[in-house]
């Protein structure tokens, strides 16, 4: 909770966002969400992504929804 005051940047990753503490997503400046299929996980990220969270169960490989506070949620891809 105080890391940002000390100019610390942190990266969190999880396969089950529904099991993360709510502070992690609420304080995040950038959220990338890939394919999710568990209802609890989709409901959890819906607080951030809104109705676009329902798209997560049908995202193709290497596709993500990117959220940044104050900006529109967009779809991005990771093409290697």
Protein backbone atom coordinates (compact mmCIF):
# COMPACT_ATOMS: atom_id res chain seq x y z
CA UNK A 1 0.00 0.00 0.00
CA UNK A 2 2.92 2.39 0.54
CA UNK A 3 5.25 1.27 -2.25
CA UNK A 4 4.11 4.00 -4.63
CA UNK A 5 5.12 6.62 -2.06
CA UNK A 6 8.64 5.21 -2.18
CA UNK A 7 8.67 5.16 -5.99
CA UNK A 8 8.55 1.36 -6.19
CA UNK A 9 7.09 -0.37 -9.21
CA UNK A 10 5.72 -3.89 -8.80
CA UNK A 11 4.57 -6.52 -11.25
CA UNK A 12 1.96 -9.07 -10.22
CA UNK A 13 0.85 -12.03 -12.26
CA UNK A 14 -1.72 -14.71 -11.52
CA UNK A 15 -3.76 -17.36 -13.24
CA UNK A 16 -6.60 -16.83 -10.75
CA UNK A 17 -7.34 -13.11 -10.27
CA UNK A 18 -10.35 -13.95 -8.11
CA UNK A 19 -7.91 -15.14 -5.43
CA UNK A 20 -5.84 -11.92 -5.43
CA UNK A 21 -6.31 -9.29 -2.79
CA UNK A 22 -8.60 -6.53 -4.12
CA UNK A 23 -5.97 -3.87 -3.40
CA UNK A 24 -3.68 -5.23 -6.13
CA UNK A 25 -6.12 -4.58 -8.97
CA UNK A 26 -7.57 -1.40 -7.47
CA UNK A 27 -4.12 0.20 -7.21
CA UNK A 28 -2.79 -1.03 -10.56
CA UNK A 29 -1.95 1.48 -13.29
CA UNK A 30 -1.92 -1.19 -16.02
CA UNK A 31 -3.98 -4.39 -16.13
CA UNK A 32 -3.55 -7.03 -18.85
CA UNK A 33 -6.15 -9.82 -18.77
CA UNK A 34 -5.86 -12.91 -20.91
CA UNK A 35 -8.29 -15.73 -21.38
CA UNK A 36 -10.33 -16.59 -18.28
CA UNK A 37 -13.00 -19.24 -17.93
CA UNK A 38 -13.84 -19.41 -14.21
CA UNK A 39 -16.94 -17.38 -13.32
CA UNK A 40 -15.39 -16.11 -10.06
CA UNK A 41 -12.35 -14.77 -11.92
CA UNK A 42 -14.43 -13.07 -14.61
CA UNK A 43 -16.71 -11.49 -12.00
CA UNK A 44 -13.66 -10.26 -10.09
CA UNK A 45 -12.02 -8.49 -13.05
CA UNK A 46 -15.41 -7.18 -14.16
CA UNK A 47 -15.05 -4.51 -11.46
CA UNK A 48 -12.13 -3.13 -13.51
CA UNK A 49 -12.99 -4.06 -17.09
CA UNK A 50 -16.75 -3.64 -16.91
CA UNK A 51 -18.86 -5.59 -19.39
CA UNK A 52 -15.77 -6.31 -21.53
CA UNK A 53 -14.79 -8.89 -18.91
CA UNK A 54 -17.27 -11.28 -20.52
CA UNK A 55 -15.04 -11.30 -23.65
CA UNK A 56 -12.25 -13.00 -21.70
CA UNK A 57 -13.68 -16.48 -22.09
CA UNK A 58 -13.47 -16.24 -25.89
CA UNK A 59 -10.13 -14.47 -26.41
CA UNK A 60 -7.80 -16.21 -28.86
CA UNK A 61 -4.23 -17.14 -27.89
CA UNK A 62 -1.88 -14.20 -27.37
CA UNK A 63 -4.78 -11.73 -27.11
CA UNK A 64 -5.34 -9.61 -24.01
CA UNK A 65 -7.63 -6.87 -22.78
CA UNK A 66 -5.60 -3.91 -21.55
CA UNK A 67 -7.03 -1.52 -18.98
CA UNK A 68 -5.54 1.72 -17.76
CA UNK A 69 -7.51 4.01 -15.42
CA UNK A 70 -9.02 6.94 -17.30
CA UNK A 71 -8.63 5.27 -20.70
CA UNK A 72 -10.73 3.00 -22.86
CA UNK A 73 -10.17 -0.75 -22.45
CA UNK A 74 -8.54 -2.07 -25.63
CA UNK A 75 -7.62 -5.45 -27.09
CA UNK A 76 -3.92 -6.03 -27.66
CA UNK A 77 -1.93 -8.96 -28.99
CA UNK A 78 1.47 -10.43 -28.31
CA UNK A 79 2.82 -11.58 -31.63
CA UNK A 80 6.26 -13.17 -31.43
